[in-house]
Amino acid sequence: MYCIERQDQGKGWVKEMCFRTSFKAFMNARTKSLVTAHTYRIVDTQDGDVLSTVEAGSVRPTTAPKR
């Protein structure tokens, strides 16, 4: 499972939704980031790794891609 989390000033990272594929999670986070101008990240729930962070449309990968 891959969850997207929104960065909130008062609460830290807030979990919003989870998806079965990292692609769906990424596309949802990117769309939300473009619309709301908030920062989102994609988290792999199996191992807790942050796969990428999306800031108002720009993407910063945080880990090497898995093969």
C-alpha atoms as a PDB file:
ATOM      1  CA  MET A   1       0.000   0.000   0.000  1.00  0.00           C
ATOM      2  CA  TYR A   2       1.118   3.531  -0.751  1.00  0.00           C
ATOM      3  CA  CYS A   3      -0.338   6.406   1.244  1.00  0.00           C
ATOM      4  CA  ILE A   4      -0.221  10.109   0.569  1.00  0.00           C
ATOM      5  CA  GLU A   5       0.284  12.498   3.456  1.00  0.00           C
ATOM      6  CA  ARG A   6      -0.206  16.276   3.517  1.00  0.00           C
ATOM      7  CA  GLN A   7       2.119  18.539   5.454  1.00  0.00           C
ATOM      8  CA  ASP A   8       0.121  20.549   8.006  1.00  0.00           C
ATOM      9  CA  GLN A   9       1.689  23.397   9.958  1.00  0.00           C
ATOM     10  CA  GLY A  10       0.144  22.426  13.303  1.00  0.00           C
ATOM     11  CA  LYS A  11      -0.117  18.632  13.030  1.00  0.00           C
ATOM     12  CA  GLY A  12       2.929  17.591  10.997  1.00  0.00           C
ATOM     13  CA  TRP A  13       2.140  14.977   8.320  1.00  0.00           C
ATOM     14  CA  VAL A  14      -1.545  14.017   8.004  1.00  0.00           C
ATOM     15  CA  LYS A  15      -2.485  10.786   6.185  1.00  0.00           C
ATOM     16  CA  GLU A  16      -5.137  11.418   3.514  1.00  0.00           C
ATOM     17  CA  MET A  17      -5.563   8.379   1.239  1.00  0.00           C
ATOM     18  CA  CYS A  18      -3.962   5.042   0.380  1.00  0.00           C
ATOM     19  CA  PHE A  19      -3.613   3.299  -2.987  1.00  0.00           C
ATOM     20  CA  ARG A  20      -2.484  -0.118  -4.196  1.00  0.00           C
ATOM     21  CA  THR A  21       0.092   1.276  -6.640  1.00  0.00           C
ATOM     22  CA  SER A  22       2.742   3.946  -6.207  1.00  0.00           C
ATOM     23  CA  PHE A  23       1.739   5.454  -9.563  1.00  0.00           C
ATOM     24  CA  LYS A  24      -1.839   6.133  -8.441  1.00  0.00           C
ATOM     25  CA  ALA A  25      -0.579   7.583  -5.159  1.00  0.00           C
ATOM     26  CA  PHE A  26       1.902   9.808  -6.995  1.00  0.00           C
ATOM     27  CA  MET A  27      -0.677  11.095  -9.495  1.00  0.00           C
ATOM     28  CA  ASN A  28      -3.143  11.850  -6.699  1.00  0.00           C
ATOM     29  CA  ALA A  29      -0.499  13.670  -4.625  1.00  0.00           C
ATOM     30  CA  ARG A  30       0.652  15.680  -7.634  1.00  0.00           C
ATOM     31  CA  THR A  31      -2.894  16.703  -8.549  1.00  0.00           C
ATOM     32  CA  LYS A  32      -3.719  17.700  -4.971  1.00  0.00           C
ATOM     33  CA  SER A  33      -0.460  19.629  -4.698  1.00  0.00           C
ATOM     34  CA  LEU A  34      -1.157  21.596  -7.873  1.00  0.00           C
ATOM     35  CA  VAL A  35      -4.708  22.448  -6.785  1.00  0.00           C
ATOM     36  CA  THR A  36      -4.063  23.269  -3.114  1.00  0.00           C
ATOM     37  CA  ALA A  37      -0.372  24.388  -3.177  1.00  0.00           C
ATOM     38  CA  HIS A  38       0.303  22.111  -0.172  1.00  0.00           C
ATOM     39  CA  THR A  39       3.253  19.732   0.167  1.00  0.00           C
ATOM     40  CA  TYR A  40       2.468  16.008  -0.105  1.00  0.00           C
ATOM     41  CA  ARG A  41       4.576  12.885   0.246  1.00  0.00           C
ATOM     42  CA  ILE A  42       4.133   9.254  -0.802  1.00  0.00           C
ATOM     43  CA  VAL A  43       4.873   6.665   1.894  1.00  0.00           C
ATOM     44  CA  ASP A  44       5.298   2.912   1.374  1.00  0.00           C
ATOM     45  CA  THR A  45       3.334   1.435   4.301  1.00  0.00           C
ATOM     46  CA  GLN A  46       5.173  -1.920   4.230  1.00  0.00           C
ATOM     47  CA  ASP A  47       8.502  -0.467   5.302  1.00  0.00           C
ATOM     48  CA  GLY A  48       7.670   3.154   6.133  1.00  0.00           C
ATOM     49  CA  ASP A  49       9.947   4.604   3.436  1.00  0.00           C
ATOM     50  CA  VAL A  50       9.089   7.981   1.925  1.00  0.00           C
ATOM     51  CA  LEU A  51       9.253   7.467  -1.839  1.00  0.00           C
ATOM     52  CA  SER A  52       8.886  11.081  -2.957  1.00  0.00           C
ATOM     53  CA  THR A  53       7.760  14.524  -1.896  1.00  0.00           C
ATOM     54  CA  VAL A  54       5.617  16.791  -4.085  1.00  0.00           C
ATOM     55  CA  GLU A  55       5.714  20.554  -3.491  1.00  0.00           C
ATOM     56  CA  ALA A  56       3.210  22.593  -5.539  1.00  0.00           C
ATOM     57  CA  GLY A  57       3.925  20.595  -8.677  1.00  0.00           C
ATOM     58  CA  SER A  58       7.670  19.978  -8.270  1.00  0.00           C
ATOM     59  CA  VAL A  59       8.815  16.487  -7.303  1.00  0.00           C
ATOM     60  CA  ARG A  60      11.762  15.510  -5.094  1.00  0.00           C
ATOM     61  CA  PRO A  61      12.533  11.769  -5.033  1.00  0.00           C
ATOM     62  CA  THR A  62      13.831  10.749  -1.620  1.00  0.00           C
ATOM     63  CA  THR A  63      14.909   7.167  -2.246  1.00  0.00           C
ATOM     64  CA  ALA A  64      16.416   5.200  -5.107  1.00  0.00           C
ATOM     65  CA  PRO A  65      13.801   3.478  -7.272  1.00  0.00           C
ATOM     66  CA  LYS A  66      13.033  -0.111  -6.308  1.00  0.00           C
ATOM     67  CA  ARG A  67      13.539  -2.827  -8.914  1.00  0.00           C
END
